PDB file of N, CA and C in Angstrom:
ATOM      1  N   MET A   1     176.589 -64.916 -96.993  1.00  0.00           N
ATOM      2  CA  MET A   1     176.786 -64.610 -98.384  1.00  0.00           C
ATOM      3  C   MET A   1     176.480 -65.865 -99.205  1.00  0.00           C
ATOM      4  N   ILE A   2     175.849 -65.661-100.329  1.00  0.00           N
ATOM      5  CA  ILE A   2     175.512 -66.727-101.270  1.00  0.00           C
ATOM      6  C   ILE A   2     176.431 -66.589-102.475  1.00  0.00           C
ATOM      7  N   VAL A   3     177.015 -67.701-102.905  1.00  0.00           N
ATOM      8  CA  VAL A   3     177.928 -67.697-104.049  1.00  0.00           C
ATOM      9  C   VAL A   3     177.391 -68.654-105.112  1.00  0.00           C
ATOM     10  N   LEU A   4     177.259 -68.138-106.318  1.00  0.00           N
ATOM     11  CA  LEU A   4     176.849 -68.962-107.450  1.00  0.00           C
ATOM     12  C   LEU A   4     178.029 -69.128-108.376  1.00  0.00           C
ATOM     13  N   ASN A   5     178.249 -70.348-108.811  1.00  0.00           N
ATOM     14  CA  ASN A   5     179.283 -70.649-109.777  1.00  0.00           C
ATOM     15  C   ASN A   5     178.551 -71.001-111.070  1.00  0.00           C
ATOM     16  N   ALA A   6     178.554 -70.060-112.019  1.00  0.00           N
ATOM     17  CA  ALA A   6     177.802 -70.252-113.258  1.00  0.00           C
ATOM     18  C   ALA A   6     178.609 -69.718-114.435  1.00  0.00           C
ATOM     19  N   PRO A   7     178.920 -70.570-115.411  1.00  0.00           N
ATOM     20  CA  PRO A   7     179.727 -70.116-116.539  1.00  0.00           C
ATOM     21  C   PRO A   7     178.959 -69.262-117.559  1.00  0.00           C
ATOM     22  N   VAL A   8     177.649 -69.401-117.623  1.00  0.00           N
ATOM     23  CA  VAL A   8     176.845 -68.649-118.595  1.00  0.00           C
ATOM     24  C   VAL A   8     175.607 -68.078-117.920  1.00  0.00           C
ATOM     25  N   GLN A   9     174.937 -67.165-118.614  1.00  0.00           N
ATOM     26  CA  GLN A   9     173.694 -66.533-118.156  1.00  0.00           C
ATOM     27  C   GLN A   9     173.875 -65.736-116.853  1.00  0.00           C
ATOM     28  N   GLN A  10     175.067 -65.232-116.618  1.00  0.00           N
ATOM     29  CA  GLN A  10     175.327 -64.517-115.371  1.00  0.00           C
ATOM     30  C   GLN A  10     174.470 -63.261-115.234  1.00  0.00           C
ATOM     31  N   ASP A  11     174.312 -62.512-116.323  1.00  0.00           N
ATOM     32  CA  ASP A  11     173.486 -61.297-116.253  1.00  0.00           C
ATOM     33  C   ASP A  11     172.043 -61.625-115.886  1.00  0.00           C
ATOM     34  N   LYS A  12     171.521 -62.709-116.430  1.00  0.00           N
ATOM     35  CA  LYS A  12     170.146 -63.107-116.122  1.00  0.00           C
ATOM     36  C   LYS A  12     170.024 -63.569-114.666  1.00  0.00           C
ATOM     37  N   ILE A  13     171.026 -64.268-114.173  1.00  0.00           N
ATOM     38  CA  ILE A  13     171.009 -64.699-112.772  1.00  0.00           C
ATOM     39  C   ILE A  13     171.020 -63.488-111.855  1.00  0.00           C
ATOM     40  N   ILE A  14     171.879 -62.526-112.151  1.00  0.00           N
ATOM     41  CA  ILE A  14     171.950 -61.311-111.338  1.00  0.00           C
ATOM     42  C   ILE A  14     170.601 -60.604-111.339  1.00  0.00           C
ATOM     43  N   GLU A  15     170.006 -60.448-112.513  1.00  0.00           N
ATOM     44  CA  GLU A  15     168.704 -59.781-112.611  1.00  0.00           C
ATOM     45  C   GLU A  15     167.623 -60.546-111.848  1.00  0.00           C
ATOM     46  N   THR A  16     167.616 -61.865-111.991  1.00  0.00           N
ATOM     47  CA  THR A  16     166.610 -62.687-111.318  1.00  0.00           C
ATOM     48  C   THR A  16     166.694 -62.538-109.808  1.00  0.00           C
ATOM     49  N   LEU A  17     167.898 -62.612-109.268  1.00  0.00           N
ATOM     50  CA  LEU A  17     168.028 -62.566-107.810  1.00  0.00           C
ATOM     51  C   LEU A  17     167.868 -61.163-107.242  1.00  0.00           C
ATOM     52  N   THR A  18     168.374 -60.145-107.927  1.00  0.00           N
ATOM     53  CA  THR A  18     168.259 -58.787-107.376  1.00  0.00           C
ATOM     54  C   THR A  18     166.829 -58.254-107.448  1.00  0.00           C
ATOM     55  N   THR A  19     166.013 -58.803-108.326  1.00  0.00           N
ATOM     56  CA  THR A  19     164.614 -58.368-108.392  1.00  0.00           C
ATOM     57  C   THR A  19     163.691 -59.279-107.585  1.00  0.00           C
ATOM     58  N   TYR A  20     164.220 -60.344-107.042  1.00  0.00           N
ATOM     59  CA  TYR A  20     163.419 -61.276-106.248  1.00  0.00           C
ATOM     60  C   TYR A  20     163.115 -60.650-104.887  1.00  0.00           C
ATOM     61  N   ASN A  21     161.847 -60.715-104.501  1.00  0.00           N
ATOM     62  CA  ASN A  21     161.438 -60.203-103.193  1.00  0.00           C
ATOM     63  C   ASN A  21     160.122 -60.869-102.804  1.00  0.00           C
ATOM     64  N   GLU A  22     160.226 -62.103-102.366  1.00  0.00           N
ATOM     65  CA  GLU A  22     159.053 -62.828-101.891  1.00  0.00           C
ATOM     66  C   GLU A  22     159.316 -63.285-100.474  1.00  0.00           C
ATOM     67  N   GLU A  23     158.297 -63.237 -99.667  1.00  0.00           N
ATOM     68  CA  GLU A  23     158.389 -63.633 -98.262  1.00  0.00           C
ATOM     69  C   GLU A  23     159.484 -62.857 -97.540  1.00  0.00           C
ATOM     70  N   GLY A  24     159.770 -61.639 -98.014  1.00  0.00           N
ATOM     71  CA  GLY A  24     160.770 -60.800 -97.375  1.00  0.00           C
ATOM     72  C   GLY A  24     162.204 -61.154 -97.709  1.00  0.00           C
ATOM     73  N   LEU A  25     162.418 -62.139 -98.564  1.00  0.00           N
ATOM     74  CA  LEU A  25     163.765 -62.568 -98.933  1.00  0.00           C
ATOM     75  C   LEU A  25     164.279 -61.700-100.076  1.00  0.00           C
ATOM     76  N   THR A  26     165.437 -61.079 -99.855  1.00  0.00           N
ATOM     77  CA  THR A  26     166.031 -60.226-100.880  1.00  0.00           C
ATOM     78  C   THR A  26     167.509 -60.558-101.059  1.00  0.00           C
ATOM     79  N   PHE A  27     168.034 -60.172-102.214  1.00  0.00           N
ATOM     80  CA  PHE A  27     169.436 -60.403-102.548  1.00  0.00           C
ATOM     81  C   PHE A  27     170.048 -59.126-103.101  1.00  0.00           C
ATOM     82  N   GLU A  28     171.314 -58.904-102.768  1.00  0.00           N
ATOM     83  CA  GLU A  28     172.057 -57.762-103.279  1.00  0.00           C
ATOM     84  C   GLU A  28     173.336 -58.285-103.941  1.00  0.00           C
ATOM     85  N   PHE A  29     173.500 -57.950-105.218  1.00  0.00           N
ATOM     86  CA  PHE A  29     174.688 -58.383-105.943  1.00  0.00           C
ATOM     87  C   PHE A  29     175.895 -57.620-105.421  1.00  0.00           C
ATOM     88  N   ILE A  30     176.964 -58.338-105.090  1.00  0.00           N
ATOM     89  CA  ILE A  30     178.171 -57.731-104.551  1.00  0.00           C
ATOM     90  C   ILE A  30     179.275 -57.648-105.604  1.00  0.00           C
ATOM     91  N   GLU A  31     179.658 -58.800-106.156  1.00  0.00           N
ATOM     92  CA  GLU A  31     180.729 -58.783-107.144  1.00  0.00           C
ATOM     93  C   GLU A  31     180.757 -60.061-107.963  1.00  0.00           C
ATOM     94  N   LYS A  32     181.514 -59.978-109.046  1.00  0.00           N
ATOM     95  CA  LYS A  32     181.728 -61.119-109.926  1.00  0.00           C
ATOM     96  C   LYS A  32     183.225 -61.366-109.991  1.00  0.00           C
ATOM     97  N   LYS A  33     183.629 -62.608-109.770  1.00  0.00           N
ATOM     98  CA  LYS A  33     185.030 -63.015-109.895  1.00  0.00           C
ATOM     99  C   LYS A  33     185.064 -64.252-110.773  1.00  0.00           C
ATOM    100  N   GLY A  34     185.435 -64.081-112.018  1.00  0.00           N
ATOM    101  CA  GLY A  34     185.436 -65.201-112.953  1.00  0.00           C
ATOM    102  C   GLY A  34     184.037 -65.728-113.156  1.00  0.00           C
ATOM    103  N   MET A  35     183.836 -66.997-112.821  1.00  0.00           N
ATOM    104  CA  MET A  35     182.514 -67.607-112.966  1.00  0.00           C
ATOM    105  C   MET A  35     181.680 -67.489-111.693  1.00  0.00           C
ATOM    106  N   LYS A  36     182.216 -66.875-110.644  1.00  0.00           N
ATOM    107  CA  LYS A  36     181.500 -66.798-109.376  1.00  0.00           C
ATOM    108  C   LYS A  36     180.791 -65.459-109.206  1.00  0.00           C
ATOM    109  N   LEU A  37     179.550 -65.544-108.768  1.00  0.00           N
ATOM    110  CA  LEU A  37     178.741 -64.371-108.462  1.00  0.00           C
ATOM    111  C   LEU A  37     178.468 -64.355-106.968  1.00  0.00           C
ATOM    112  N   TYR A  38     178.707 -63.221-106.330  1.00  0.00           N
ATOM    113  CA  TYR A  38     178.552 -63.095-104.884  1.00  0.00           C
ATOM    114  C   TYR A  38     177.358 -62.207-104.558  1.00  0.00           C
ATOM    115  N   PHE A  39     176.514 -62.696-103.647  1.00  0.00           N
ATOM    116  CA  PHE A  39     175.319 -61.967-103.246  1.00  0.00           C
ATOM    117  C   PHE A  39     175.211 -61.913-101.727  1.00  0.00           C
ATOM    118  N   ASN A  40     174.814 -60.763-101.203  1.00  0.00           N
ATOM    119  CA  ASN A  40     174.406 -60.663 -99.806  1.00  0.00           C
ATOM    120  C   ASN A  40     172.910 -60.912 -99.763  1.00  0.00           C
ATOM    121  N   THR A  41     172.439 -61.408 -98.641  1.00  0.00           N
ATOM    122  CA  THR A  41     171.010 -61.653 -98.462  1.00  0.00           C
ATOM    123  C   THR A  41     170.614 -61.271 -97.048  1.00  0.00           C
ATOM    124  N   ASN A  42     169.338 -61.014 -96.867  1.00  0.00           N
ATOM    125  CA  ASN A  42     168.842 -60.683 -95.524  1.00  0.00           C
ATOM    126  C   ASN A  42     168.443 -61.938 -94.749  1.00  0.00           C
ATOM    127  N   ALA A  43     168.616 -63.097 -95.345  1.00  0.00           N
ATOM    128  CA  ALA A  43     168.254 -64.361 -94.690  1.00  0.00           C
ATOM    129  C   ALA A  43     169.287 -64.716 -93.627  1.00  0.00           C
ATOM    130  N   THR A  44     168.850 -65.428 -92.610  1.00  0.00           N
ATOM    131  CA  THR A  44     169.757 -65.848 -91.550  1.00  0.00           C
ATOM    132  C   THR A  44     170.237 -67.284 -91.745  1.00  0.00           C
ATOM    133  N   ASP A  45     169.410 -68.136 -92.303  1.00  0.00           N
ATOM    134  CA  ASP A  45     169.785 -69.534 -92.562  1.00  0.00           C
ATOM    135  C   ASP A  45     170.336 -69.630 -93.991  1.00  0.00           C
ATOM    136  N   LEU A  46     171.643 -69.526 -94.114  1.00  0.00           N
ATOM    137  CA  LEU A  46     172.251 -69.466 -95.445  1.00  0.00           C
ATOM    138  C   LEU A  46     172.185 -70.785 -96.196  1.00  0.00           C
ATOM    139  N   GLU A  47     172.227 -71.902 -95.498  1.00  0.00           N
ATOM    140  CA  GLU A  47     172.130 -73.204 -96.178  1.00  0.00           C
ATOM    141  C   GLU A  47     170.752 -73.364 -96.824  1.00  0.00           C
ATOM    142  N   ALA A  48     169.707 -73.023 -96.099  1.00  0.00           N
ATOM    143  CA  ALA A  48     168.351 -73.096 -96.649  1.00  0.00           C
ATOM    144  C   ALA A  48     168.176 -72.091 -97.781  1.00  0.00           C
ATOM    145  N   THR A  49     168.786 -70.934 -97.650  1.00  0.00           N
ATOM    146  CA  THR A  49     168.691 -69.912 -98.683  1.00  0.00           C
ATOM    147  C   THR A  49     169.405 -70.361 -99.952  1.00  0.00           C
ATOM    148  N   ALA A  50     170.526 -71.052 -99.832  1.00  0.00           N
ATOM    149  CA  ALA A  50     171.225 -71.576-101.007  1.00  0.00           C
ATOM    150  C   ALA A  50     170.329 -72.553-101.769  1.00  0.00           C
ATOM    151  N   LYS A  51     169.608 -73.387-101.050  1.00  0.00           N
ATOM    152  CA  LYS A  51     168.662 -74.309-101.692  1.00  0.00           C
ATOM    153  C   LYS A  51     167.535 -73.535-102.375  1.00  0.00           C
ATOM    154  N   LYS A  52     167.060 -72.472-101.722  1.00  0.00           N
ATOM    155  CA  LYS A  52     165.991 -71.648-102.291  1.00  0.00           C
ATOM    156  C   LYS A  52     166.465 -70.957-103.567  1.00  0.00           C
ATOM    157  N   VAL A  53     167.698 -70.477-103.575  1.00  0.00           N
ATOM    158  CA  VAL A  53     168.251 -69.833-104.767  1.00  0.00           C
ATOM    159  C   VAL A  53     168.271 -70.819-105.932  1.00  0.00           C
ATOM    160  N   LYS A  54     168.658 -72.039-105.658  1.00  0.00           N
ATOM    161  CA  LYS A  54     168.676 -73.058-106.713  1.00  0.00           C
ATOM    162  C   LYS A  54     167.266 -73.266-107.277  1.00  0.00           C
ATOM    163  N   GLU A  55     166.267 -73.310-106.397  1.00  0.00           N
ATOM    164  CA  GLU A  55     164.871 -73.448-106.837  1.00  0.00           C
ATOM    165  C   GLU A  55     164.436 -72.250-107.669  1.00  0.00           C
ATOM    166  N   ILE A  56     164.781 -71.054-107.212  1.00  0.00           N
ATOM    167  CA  ILE A  56     164.392 -69.827-107.923  1.00  0.00           C
ATOM    168  C   ILE A  56     164.939 -69.846-109.344  1.00  0.00           C
ATOM    169  N   ILE A  57     166.204 -70.195-109.488  1.00  0.00           N
ATOM    170  CA  ILE A  57     166.824 -70.191-110.816  1.00  0.00           C
ATOM    171  C   ILE A  57     166.284 -71.319-111.681  1.00  0.00           C
ATOM    172  N   LYS A  58     166.055 -72.484-111.113  1.00  0.00           N
ATOM    173  CA  LYS A  58     165.513 -73.617-111.887  1.00  0.00           C
ATOM    174  C   LYS A  58     164.113 -73.324-112.419  1.00  0.00           C
ATOM    175  N   GLU A  59     163.373 -72.435-111.754  1.00  0.00           N
ATOM    176  CA  GLU A  59     162.017 -72.091-112.190  1.00  0.00           C
ATOM    177  C   GLU A  59     162.000 -71.112-113.360  1.00  0.00           C
ATOM    178  N   THR A  60     163.136 -70.514-113.690  1.00  0.00           N
ATOM    179  CA  THR A  60     163.180 -69.568-114.803  1.00  0.00           C
ATOM    180  C   THR A  60     163.276 -70.324-116.126  1.00  0.00           C
ATOM    181  N   PRO A  61     162.930 -69.668-117.235  1.00  0.00           N
ATOM    182  CA  PRO A  61     163.024 -70.333-118.546  1.00  0.00           C
ATOM    183  C   PRO A  61     164.443 -70.787-118.881  1.00  0.00           C
ATOM    184  N   TYR A  62     165.442 -70.049-118.464  1.00  0.00           N
ATOM    185  CA  TYR A  62     166.821 -70.411-118.774  1.00  0.00           C
ATOM    186  C   TYR A  62     167.418 -71.376-117.752  1.00  0.00           C
ATOM    187  N   GLY A  63     166.865 -71.446-116.576  1.00  0.00           N
ATOM    188  CA  GLY A  63     167.445 -72.216-115.486  1.00  0.00           C
ATOM    189  C   GLY A  63     167.307 -73.719-115.597  1.00  0.00           C
ATOM    190  N   ALA A  64     166.318 -74.174-116.333  1.00  0.00           N
ATOM    191  CA  ALA A  64     166.082 -75.615-116.432  1.00  0.00           C
ATOM    192  C   ALA A  64     167.233 -76.351-117.116  1.00  0.00           C
ATOM    193  N   VAL A  65     167.952 -75.673-117.996  1.00  0.00           N
ATOM    194  CA  VAL A  65     169.046 -76.317-118.730  1.00  0.00           C
ATOM    195  C   VAL A  65     170.412 -75.769-118.342  1.00  0.00           C
ATOM    196  N   LEU A  66     170.449 -74.944-117.330  1.00  0.00           N
ATOM    197  CA  LEU A  66     171.674 -74.271-116.919  1.00  0.00           C
ATOM    198  C   LEU A  66     172.436 -75.109-115.885  1.00  0.00           C
ATOM    199  N   TYR A  67     173.747 -75.229-116.088  1.00  0.00           N
ATOM    200  CA  TYR A  67     174.594 -75.886-115.104  1.00  0.00           C
ATOM    201  C   TYR A  67     175.165 -74.807-114.181  1.00  0.00           C
ATOM    202  N   PHE A  68     174.898 -74.932-112.879  1.00  0.00           N
ATOM    203  CA  PHE A  68     175.409 -73.978-111.912  1.00  0.00           C
ATOM    204  C   PHE A  68     175.439 -74.624-110.527  1.00  0.00           C
ATOM    205  N   GLN A  69     176.212 -74.012-109.646  1.00  0.00           N
ATOM    206  CA  GLN A  69     176.294 -74.474-108.255  1.00  0.00           C
ATOM    207  C   GLN A  69     176.008 -73.288-107.343  1.00  0.00           C
ATOM    208  N   VAL A  70     175.370 -73.563-106.215  1.00  0.00           N
ATOM    209  CA  VAL A  70     175.075 -72.535-105.227  1.00  0.00           C
ATOM    210  C   VAL A  70     175.629 -72.989-103.888  1.00  0.00           C
ATOM    211  N   THR A  71     176.370 -72.109-103.247  1.00  0.00           N
ATOM    212  CA  THR A  71     176.917 -72.424-101.911  1.00  0.00           C
ATOM    213  C   THR A  71     176.713 -71.231-100.987  1.00  0.00           C
ATOM    214  N   ALA A  72     176.788 -71.508 -99.700  1.00  0.00           N
ATOM    215  CA  ALA A  72     176.688 -70.471 -98.671  1.00  0.00           C
ATOM    216  C   ALA A  72     178.069 -70.283 -98.063  1.00  0.00           C
ATOM    217  N   GLU A  73     178.460 -69.054 -97.884  1.00  0.00           N
ATOM    218  CA  GLU A  73     179.752 -68.754 -97.256  1.00  0.00           C
ATOM    219  C   GLU A  73     179.549 -67.846 -96.058  1.00  0.00           C
TER     220      GLU A  73
END
């Protein structure tokens, strides 16, 4: 499971990750608890996937100035 801690732009993050499908990597939004967003993924290496999620979000127009954290659980 991938967990994002983001105080703003949560709807855009959810949309970005749930519509992402490159190299067979997909994400499914599970739930929101406060500032945390929980996603399931089909990836097996969760640490590498957490880094990839950070790259994906940083490449968006809103992600360059967004403060957020990504962790694997």
